[in-house]
Amino acid sequence: MRPLLILGFLLVMAASAFSQPSFNFSAAYGFSIDDQDYFRLSNAWALKAGGNGPSNSMGFYSGGSGLVINAGLSWEFSDYFSAGIGLKMINFSMPDNFRTAEILSVGPVFRLNFTSNTRNVVPFIEAAAYLINTQSHKQEQATSGSQTQPAFSATVPSPIAVHALFGVEFKVSKPLGLILQGGLNGTFPGNDYKGADYGVYENPRDYEGGWFLSFGGGLKYYFGRGVKQRDF
């Protein structure tokens, strides 16, 4: 671990020497576009004696919406390309199924500008591959007809999460930009996810990851080198 920290520090110092650092923060409204959820309360579950084959999947995020936070530290390697480390926090609720979820992700983020970032209006595309992820799920006990879903809390492993966002940055001042952006976010579960015991009904055999759309805005600040903020 220590050699990796030293290597990371050296890479940061090297990037800072040849590029302009920047910080961004944005908040967005997100909503799930997943419909696959065999274990939603409004669905008729299969008894264990009958089985239900591969359709026995739980789409935990189905019908969910909530807050999506993005923050990151990047280095502007040119006025068209930047890369850095991003942090994403998602807080979702699924009221129809009495569920809540929190996702925390950290990983590399890349941004490609369609015009020079020295201009007043800069359209861009941003992509991220989050390699460190934690998903916390909570489901409350609830009854629909003859079915009662069990309450459970679980920390769900996730090997990767991604996003692809399109946005526009408006120059407010030389070091400061206003960002509007939106796009697709996705998270994938690990193979060792364990859900809850549904008693006489079939338990979830697999867990569907989540796909979300998000739309929001925020700020980007260029630290600059001397008086060269946003000026390459």
C-alpha atoms as a PDB file:
ATOM      1  CA  MET A   1       0.000   0.000   0.000  1.00  0.00           C
ATOM      2  CA  ARG A   2       2.774   2.449   0.877  1.00  0.00           C
ATOM      3  CA  PRO A   3       4.565   2.092  -2.513  1.00  0.00           C
ATOM      4  CA  LEU A   4       1.234   2.741  -4.264  1.00  0.00           C
ATOM      5  CA  LEU A   5       0.666   5.896  -2.207  1.00  0.00           C
ATOM      6  CA  ILE A   6       4.166   7.119  -3.023  1.00  0.00           C
ATOM      7  CA  LEU A   7       3.649   6.376  -6.724  1.00  0.00           C
ATOM      8  CA  GLY A   8       0.301   8.170  -6.669  1.00  0.00           C
ATOM      9  CA  PHE A   9       1.877  11.204  -5.001  1.00  0.00           C
ATOM     10  CA  LEU A  10       4.669  11.313  -7.610  1.00  0.00           C
ATOM     11  CA  LEU A  11       2.155  11.076 -10.456  1.00  0.00           C
ATOM     12  CA  VAL A  12       0.121  13.935  -8.953  1.00  0.00           C
ATOM     13  CA  MET A  13       3.236  16.084  -8.622  1.00  0.00           C
ATOM     14  CA  ALA A  14       4.281  15.304 -12.190  1.00  0.00           C
ATOM     15  CA  ALA A  15       0.821  16.091 -13.546  1.00  0.00           C
ATOM     16  CA  SER A  16       0.742  19.370 -11.615  1.00  0.00           C
ATOM     17  CA  ALA A  17       4.104  20.392 -13.102  1.00  0.00           C
ATOM     18  CA  PHE A  18       2.933  19.984 -16.698  1.00  0.00           C
ATOM     19  CA  SER A  19      -0.786  20.768 -16.462  1.00  0.00           C
ATOM     20  CA  GLN A  20      -3.306  23.051 -14.833  1.00  0.00           C
ATOM     21  CA  PRO A  21      -5.260  21.599 -11.878  1.00  0.00           C
ATOM     22  CA  SER A  22      -8.999  22.150 -11.538  1.00  0.00           C
ATOM     23  CA  PHE A  23     -11.761  21.181  -9.123  1.00  0.00           C
ATOM     24  CA  ASN A  24     -15.391  20.541  -9.967  1.00  0.00           C
ATOM     25  CA  PHE A  25     -18.543  19.960  -7.956  1.00  0.00           C
ATOM     26  CA  SER A  26     -22.073  19.313  -9.207  1.00  0.00           C
ATOM     27  CA  ALA A  27     -25.440  18.158  -7.907  1.00  0.00           C
ATOM     28  CA  ALA A  28     -28.090  16.459 -10.013  1.00  0.00           C
ATOM     29  CA  TYR A  29     -31.471  14.791  -9.905  1.00  0.00           C
ATOM     30  CA  GLY A  30     -31.245  11.152 -10.908  1.00  0.00           C
ATOM     31  CA  PHE A  31     -33.845   8.507 -11.703  1.00  0.00           C
ATOM     32  CA  SER A  32     -33.701   4.826 -12.541  1.00  0.00           C
ATOM     33  CA  ILE A  33     -34.477   3.568 -16.031  1.00  0.00           C
ATOM     34  CA  ASP A  34     -34.605  -0.094 -14.921  1.00  0.00           C
ATOM     35  CA  ASP A  35     -37.903  -1.997 -15.064  1.00  0.00           C
ATOM     36  CA  GLN A  36     -36.543  -5.478 -14.351  1.00  0.00           C
ATOM     37  CA  ASP A  37     -37.530  -6.372 -10.783  1.00  0.00           C
ATOM     38  CA  TYR A  38     -39.169  -9.716 -10.187  1.00  0.00           C
ATOM     39  CA  PHE A  39     -39.342  -8.944  -6.459  1.00  0.00           C
ATOM     40  CA  ARG A  40     -41.312  -5.708  -6.612  1.00  0.00           C
ATOM     41  CA  LEU A  41     -44.296  -5.743  -4.275  1.00  0.00           C
ATOM     42  CA  SER A  42     -46.819  -5.516  -7.102  1.00  0.00           C
ATOM     43  CA  ASN A  43     -45.496  -8.721  -8.714  1.00  0.00           C
ATOM     44  CA  ALA A  44     -46.695 -12.261  -7.920  1.00  0.00           C
ATOM     45  CA  TRP A  45     -43.728 -14.200  -6.539  1.00  0.00           C
ATOM     46  CA  ALA A  46     -43.140 -17.890  -7.266  1.00  0.00           C
ATOM     47  CA  LEU A  47     -43.310 -20.447  -4.478  1.00  0.00           C
ATOM     48  CA  LYS A  48     -40.100 -22.380  -3.822  1.00  0.00           C
ATOM     49  CA  ALA A  49     -41.702 -25.661  -4.827  1.00  0.00           C
ATOM     50  CA  GLY A  50     -42.440 -24.335  -8.316  1.00  0.00           C
ATOM     51  CA  GLY A  51     -39.291 -22.361  -9.029  1.00  0.00           C
ATOM     52  CA  ASN A  52     -39.110 -19.586 -11.553  1.00  0.00           C
ATOM     53  CA  GLY A  53     -35.886 -20.122 -13.521  1.00  0.00           C
ATOM     54  CA  PRO A  54     -33.546 -17.330 -14.567  1.00  0.00           C
ATOM     55  CA  SER A  55     -36.242 -14.615 -14.306  1.00  0.00           C
ATOM     56  CA  ASN A  56     -35.823 -14.679 -10.511  1.00  0.00           C
ATOM     57  CA  SER A  57     -33.825 -11.442 -10.404  1.00  0.00           C
ATOM     58  CA  MET A  58     -34.035  -8.421  -8.115  1.00  0.00           C
ATOM     59  CA  GLY A  59     -33.733  -4.995  -9.674  1.00  0.00           C
ATOM     60  CA  PHE A  60     -33.270  -3.151  -6.406  1.00  0.00           C
ATOM     61  CA  TYR A  61     -33.219   0.320  -8.014  1.00  0.00           C
ATOM     62  CA  SER A  62     -36.378  -0.081 -10.098  1.00  0.00           C
ATOM     63  CA  GLY A  63     -38.597   2.988  -9.685  1.00  0.00           C
ATOM     64  CA  GLY A  64     -35.906   4.851  -7.765  1.00  0.00           C
ATOM     65  CA  SER A  65     -34.919   8.504  -7.801  1.00  0.00           C
ATOM     66  CA  GLY A  66     -32.849  10.881  -5.725  1.00  0.00           C
ATOM     67  CA  LEU A  67     -29.712  12.966  -5.431  1.00  0.00           C
ATOM     68  CA  VAL A  68     -26.508  12.438  -7.423  1.00  0.00           C
ATOM     69  CA  ILE A  69     -23.339  14.297  -6.340  1.00  0.00           C
ATOM     70  CA  ASN A  70     -20.183  14.469  -8.462  1.00  0.00           C
ATOM     71  CA  ALA A  71     -16.872  15.963  -7.362  1.00  0.00           C
ATOM     72  CA  GLY A  72     -13.401  15.664  -8.776  1.00  0.00           C
ATOM     73  CA  LEU A  73      -9.848  16.880  -8.984  1.00  0.00           C
ATOM     74  CA  SER A  74      -8.511  17.022 -12.535  1.00  0.00           C
ATOM     75  CA  TRP A  75      -5.495  18.154 -14.493  1.00  0.00           C
ATOM     76  CA  GLU A  76      -5.970  20.084 -17.726  1.00  0.00           C
ATOM     77  CA  PHE A  77      -3.346  18.491 -19.962  1.00  0.00           C
ATOM     78  CA  SER A  78      -4.498  20.717 -22.797  1.00  0.00           C
ATOM     79  CA  ASP A  79      -7.390  23.052 -23.452  1.00  0.00           C
ATOM     80  CA  TYR A  80      -9.238  20.047 -24.968  1.00  0.00           C
ATOM     81  CA  PHE A  81      -8.465  17.181 -22.589  1.00  0.00           C
ATOM     82  CA  SER A  82      -8.377  16.655 -18.832  1.00  0.00           C
ATOM     83  CA  ALA A  83      -8.173  13.622 -16.531  1.00  0.00           C
ATOM     84  CA  GLY A  84      -8.308  13.082 -12.803  1.00  0.00           C
ATOM     85  CA  ILE A  85      -9.952  11.378  -9.857  1.00  0.00           C
ATOM     86  CA  GLY A  86     -13.699  11.572  -9.347  1.00  0.00           C
ATOM     87  CA  LEU A  87     -16.055  10.946  -6.441  1.00  0.00           C
ATOM     88  CA  LYS A  88     -19.721  10.067  -6.984  1.00  0.00           C
ATOM     89  CA  MET A  89     -22.388   9.803  -4.284  1.00  0.00           C
ATOM     90  CA  ILE A  90     -25.903   8.576  -5.056  1.00  0.00           C
ATOM     91  CA  ASN A  91     -28.752   8.583  -2.551  1.00  0.00           C
ATOM     92  CA  PHE A  92     -31.894   6.938  -3.930  1.00  0.00           C
ATOM     93  CA  SER A  93     -35.286   5.948  -2.579  1.00  0.00           C
ATOM     94  CA  MET A  94     -37.730   3.445  -4.051  1.00  0.00           C
ATOM     95  CA  PRO A  95     -40.955   4.283  -2.168  1.00  0.00           C
ATOM     96  CA  ASP A  96     -43.193   1.763  -3.966  1.00  0.00           C
ATOM     97  CA  ASN A  97     -41.003  -1.062  -2.638  1.00  0.00           C
ATOM     98  CA  PHE A  98     -39.956   0.571   0.664  1.00  0.00           C
ATOM     99  CA  ARG A  99     -36.270   0.597  -0.272  1.00  0.00           C
ATOM    100  CA  THR A 100     -33.387   3.034   0.016  1.00  0.00           C
ATOM    101  CA  ALA A 101     -29.861   2.885  -1.395  1.00  0.00           C
ATOM    102  CA  GLU A 102     -26.609   4.773  -1.027  1.00  0.00           C
ATOM    103  CA  ILE A 103     -23.733   4.400  -3.492  1.00  0.00           C
ATOM    104  CA  LEU A 104     -20.227   5.771  -3.011  1.00  0.00           C
ATOM    105  CA  SER A 105     -17.772   5.486  -5.926  1.00  0.00           C
ATOM    106  CA  VAL A 106     -14.192   6.628  -6.561  1.00  0.00           C
ATOM    107  CA  GLY A 107     -12.219   6.283  -9.785  1.00  0.00           C
ATOM    108  CA  PRO A 108     -10.649   7.907 -12.850  1.00  0.00           C
ATOM    109  CA  VAL A 109     -12.587  10.513 -14.828  1.00  0.00           C
ATOM    110  CA  PHE A 110     -11.795  11.794 -18.329  1.00  0.00           C
ATOM    111  CA  ARG A 111     -13.166  14.862 -20.094  1.00  0.00           C
ATOM    112  CA  LEU A 112     -12.947  15.824 -23.762  1.00  0.00           C
ATOM    113  CA  ASN A 113     -13.882  19.375 -24.770  1.00  0.00           C
ATOM    114  CA  PHE A 114     -15.344  19.994 -28.218  1.00  0.00           C
ATOM    115  CA  THR A 115     -13.860  23.513 -28.210  1.00  0.00           C
ATOM    116  CA  SER A 116     -10.965  25.120 -26.347  1.00  0.00           C
ATOM    117  CA  ASN A 117     -11.718  25.658 -22.664  1.00  0.00           C
ATOM    118  CA  THR A 118     -10.463  29.232 -23.014  1.00  0.00           C
ATOM    119  CA  ARG A 119     -13.716  30.093 -24.789  1.00  0.00           C
ATOM    120  CA  ASN A 120     -16.803  31.458 -23.057  1.00  0.00           C
ATOM    121  CA  VAL A 121     -18.943  28.402 -23.904  1.00  0.00           C
ATOM    122  CA  VAL A 122     -17.356  24.931 -23.843  1.00  0.00           C
ATOM    123  CA  PRO A 123     -19.392  21.814 -24.749  1.00  0.00           C
ATOM    124  CA  PHE A 124     -17.837  18.565 -23.532  1.00  0.00           C
ATOM    125  CA  ILE A 125     -18.266  14.865 -22.886  1.00  0.00           C
ATOM    126  CA  GLU A 126     -17.127  13.219 -19.652  1.00  0.00           C
ATOM    127  CA  ALA A 127     -16.555   9.523 -18.999  1.00  0.00           C
ATOM    128  CA  ALA A 128     -15.731   7.739 -15.744  1.00  0.00           C
ATOM    129  CA  ALA A 129     -14.873   4.211 -14.630  1.00  0.00           C
ATOM    130  CA  TYR A 130     -15.200   3.971 -10.856  1.00  0.00           C
ATOM    131  CA  LEU A 131     -13.119   1.063  -9.577  1.00  0.00           C
ATOM    132  CA  ILE A 132     -13.847   1.513  -5.848  1.00  0.00           C
ATOM    133  CA  ASN A 133     -17.549   1.166  -5.037  1.00  0.00           C
ATOM    134  CA  THR A 134     -19.753   0.601  -2.009  1.00  0.00           C
ATOM    135  CA  GLN A 135     -23.509   0.107  -2.250  1.00  0.00           C
ATOM    136  CA  SER A 136     -25.639   0.094   0.901  1.00  0.00           C
ATOM    137  CA  HIS A 137     -29.151  -1.293   0.481  1.00  0.00           C
ATOM    138  CA  LYS A 138     -32.036  -1.235   2.923  1.00  0.00           C
ATOM    139  CA  GLN A 139     -35.466  -2.811   2.468  1.00  0.00           C
ATOM    140  CA  GLU A 140     -38.294  -2.461   4.969  1.00  0.00           C
ATOM    141  CA  GLN A 141     -40.847  -5.131   5.731  1.00  0.00           C
ATOM    142  CA  ALA A 142     -44.028  -4.504   3.772  1.00  0.00           C
ATOM    143  CA  THR A 143     -47.144  -6.431   2.790  1.00  0.00           C
ATOM    144  CA  SER A 144     -49.066  -6.521  -0.455  1.00  0.00           C
ATOM    145  CA  GLY A 145     -51.999  -8.929  -0.519  1.00  0.00           C
ATOM    146  CA  SER A 146     -50.778 -12.294   0.733  1.00  0.00           C
ATOM    147  CA  GLN A 147     -47.102 -11.396   0.178  1.00  0.00           C
ATOM    148  CA  THR A 148     -44.853  -9.940   2.863  1.00  0.00           C
ATOM    149  CA  GLN A 149     -41.383  -8.875   1.842  1.00  0.00           C
ATOM    150  CA  PRO A 150     -38.632  -9.298   4.458  1.00  0.00           C
ATOM    151  CA  ALA A 151     -36.642  -6.431   5.897  1.00  0.00           C
ATOM    152  CA  PHE A 152     -32.898  -6.495   5.283  1.00  0.00           C
ATOM    153  CA  SER A 153     -29.819  -4.302   5.110  1.00  0.00           C
ATOM    154  CA  ALA A 154     -26.854  -5.261   2.968  1.00  0.00           C
ATOM    155  CA  THR A 155     -23.562  -3.917   1.723  1.00  0.00           C
ATOM    156  CA  VAL A 156     -23.417  -4.938  -1.896  1.00  0.00           C
ATOM    157  CA  PRO A 157     -20.032  -5.485  -3.596  1.00  0.00           C
ATOM    158  CA  SER A 158     -19.585  -3.743  -6.916  1.00  0.00           C
ATOM    159  CA  PRO A 159     -16.506  -4.194  -9.131  1.00  0.00           C
ATOM    160  CA  ILE A 160     -17.191  -1.176 -11.334  1.00  0.00           C
ATOM    161  CA  ALA A 161     -19.494   1.785 -11.887  1.00  0.00           C
ATOM    162  CA  VAL A 162     -19.509   4.066 -14.929  1.00  0.00           C
ATOM    163  CA  HIS A 163     -20.954   7.259 -16.300  1.00  0.00           C
ATOM    164  CA  ALA A 164     -21.079   9.129 -19.598  1.00  0.00           C
ATOM    165  CA  LEU A 165     -22.187  12.747 -19.288  1.00  0.00           C
ATOM    166  CA  PHE A 166     -22.680  15.461 -21.877  1.00  0.00           C
ATOM    167  CA  GLY A 167     -22.383  19.024 -20.663  1.00  0.00           C
ATOM    168  CA  VAL A 168     -21.720  22.682 -21.337  1.00  0.00           C
ATOM    169  CA  GLU A 169     -19.391  24.923 -19.335  1.00  0.00           C
ATOM    170  CA  PHE A 170     -20.064  28.671 -19.254  1.00  0.00           C
ATOM    171  CA  LYS A 171     -17.167  30.938 -18.355  1.00  0.00           C
ATOM    172  CA  VAL A 172     -18.057  33.090 -15.328  1.00  0.00           C
ATOM    173  CA  SER A 173     -14.554  34.466 -14.763  1.00  0.00           C
ATOM    174  CA  LYS A 174     -11.026  33.418 -15.699  1.00  0.00           C
ATOM    175  CA  PRO A 175     -10.782  30.762 -12.946  1.00  0.00           C
ATOM    176  CA  LEU A 176     -14.489  29.874 -12.606  1.00  0.00           C
ATOM    177  CA  GLY A 177     -16.969  28.073 -14.837  1.00  0.00           C
ATOM    178  CA  LEU A 178     -20.656  27.164 -14.502  1.00  0.00           C
ATOM    179  CA  ILE A 179     -21.467  23.609 -15.626  1.00  0.00           C
ATOM    180  CA  LEU A 180     -24.747  22.098 -16.823  1.00  0.00           C
ATOM    181  CA  GLN A 181     -24.594  18.365 -17.550  1.00  0.00           C
ATOM    182  CA  GLY A 182     -26.635  15.209 -17.862  1.00  0.00           C
ATOM    183  CA  GLY A 183     -26.312  11.629 -18.989  1.00  0.00           C
ATOM    184  CA  LEU A 184     -26.168   7.962 -18.119  1.00  0.00           C
ATOM    185  CA  ASN A 185     -24.852   6.392 -14.901  1.00  0.00           C
ATOM    186  CA  GLY A 186     -24.464   2.667 -14.251  1.00  0.00           C
ATOM    187  CA  THR A 187     -23.409   0.382 -11.428  1.00  0.00           C
ATOM    188  CA  PHE A 188     -22.807  -3.359 -11.525  1.00  0.00           C
ATOM    189  CA  PRO A 189     -23.034  -5.893  -8.688  1.00  0.00           C
ATOM    190  CA  GLY A 190     -20.505  -8.496  -7.670  1.00  0.00           C
ATOM    191  CA  ASN A 191     -21.287 -12.197  -8.035  1.00  0.00           C
ATOM    192  CA  ASP A 192     -21.406 -12.814  -4.280  1.00  0.00           C
ATOM    193  CA  TYR A 193     -24.410 -10.595  -3.547  1.00  0.00           C
ATOM    194  CA  LYS A 194     -26.739 -12.128  -0.968  1.00  0.00           C
ATOM    195  CA  GLY A 195     -30.244 -10.784  -0.580  1.00  0.00           C
ATOM    196  CA  ALA A 196     -32.913 -11.708   1.939  1.00  0.00           C
ATOM    197  CA  ASP A 197     -34.820 -14.851   2.840  1.00  0.00           C
ATOM    198  CA  TYR A 198     -38.284 -14.679   1.257  1.00  0.00           C
ATOM    199  CA  GLY A 199     -39.560 -17.668   3.219  1.00  0.00           C
ATOM    200  CA  VAL A 200     -41.906 -19.859   1.184  1.00  0.00           C
ATOM    201  CA  TYR A 201     -41.134 -17.855  -1.954  1.00  0.00           C
ATOM    202  CA  GLU A 202     -38.138 -18.177  -4.248  1.00  0.00           C
ATOM    203  CA  ASN A 203     -35.176 -16.088  -3.099  1.00  0.00           C
ATOM    204  CA  PRO A 204     -33.405 -13.791  -5.584  1.00  0.00           C
ATOM    205  CA  ARG A 205     -31.054 -15.830  -7.757  1.00  0.00           C
ATOM    206  CA  ASP A 206     -29.266 -12.823  -9.162  1.00  0.00           C
ATOM    207  CA  TYR A 207     -29.149  -9.101  -8.750  1.00  0.00           C
ATOM    208  CA  GLU A 208     -29.556  -6.592 -11.557  1.00  0.00           C
ATOM    209  CA  GLY A 209     -27.280  -3.561 -11.559  1.00  0.00           C
ATOM    210  CA  GLY A 210     -28.705  -0.085 -11.813  1.00  0.00           C
ATOM    211  CA  TRP A 211     -28.874   2.342 -14.740  1.00  0.00           C
ATOM    212  CA  PHE A 212     -29.788   5.938 -14.010  1.00  0.00           C
ATOM    213  CA  LEU A 213     -30.214   9.189 -15.895  1.00  0.00           C
ATOM    214  CA  SER A 214     -29.085  12.356 -14.123  1.00  0.00           C
ATOM    215  CA  PHE A 215     -29.453  16.063 -14.920  1.00  0.00           C
ATOM    216  CA  GLY A 216     -27.974  18.932 -12.942  1.00  0.00           C
ATOM    217  CA  GLY A 217     -25.244  21.497 -12.678  1.00  0.00           C
ATOM    218  CA  GLY A 218     -22.347  22.826 -10.662  1.00  0.00           C
ATOM    219  CA  LEU A 219     -19.084  24.733 -10.720  1.00  0.00           C
ATOM    220  CA  LYS A 220     -15.553  24.173 -11.978  1.00  0.00           C
ATOM    221  CA  TYR A 221     -12.593  26.126 -10.590  1.00  0.00           C
ATOM    222  CA  TYR A 222      -9.214  26.377 -12.334  1.00  0.00           C
ATOM    223  CA  PHE A 223      -6.325  26.841  -9.929  1.00  0.00           C
ATOM    224  CA  GLY A 224      -3.991  28.015 -12.655  1.00  0.00           C
ATOM    225  CA  ARG A 225      -0.274  28.654 -12.783  1.00  0.00           C
ATOM    226  CA  GLY A 226       0.389  32.242 -11.815  1.00  0.00           C
ATOM    227  CA  VAL A 227      -1.959  34.357 -13.923  1.00  0.00           C
ATOM    228  CA  LYS A 228      -2.520  31.618 -16.522  1.00  0.00           C
ATOM    229  CA  GLN A 229      -5.852  30.330 -15.254  1.00  0.00           C
ATOM    230  CA  ARG A 230      -7.829  29.018 -18.262  1.00  0.00           C
ATOM    231  CA  ASP A 231      -5.065  30.372 -20.476  1.00  0.00           C
ATOM    232  CA  PHE A 232      -2.820  27.850 -22.203  1.00  0.00           C
END
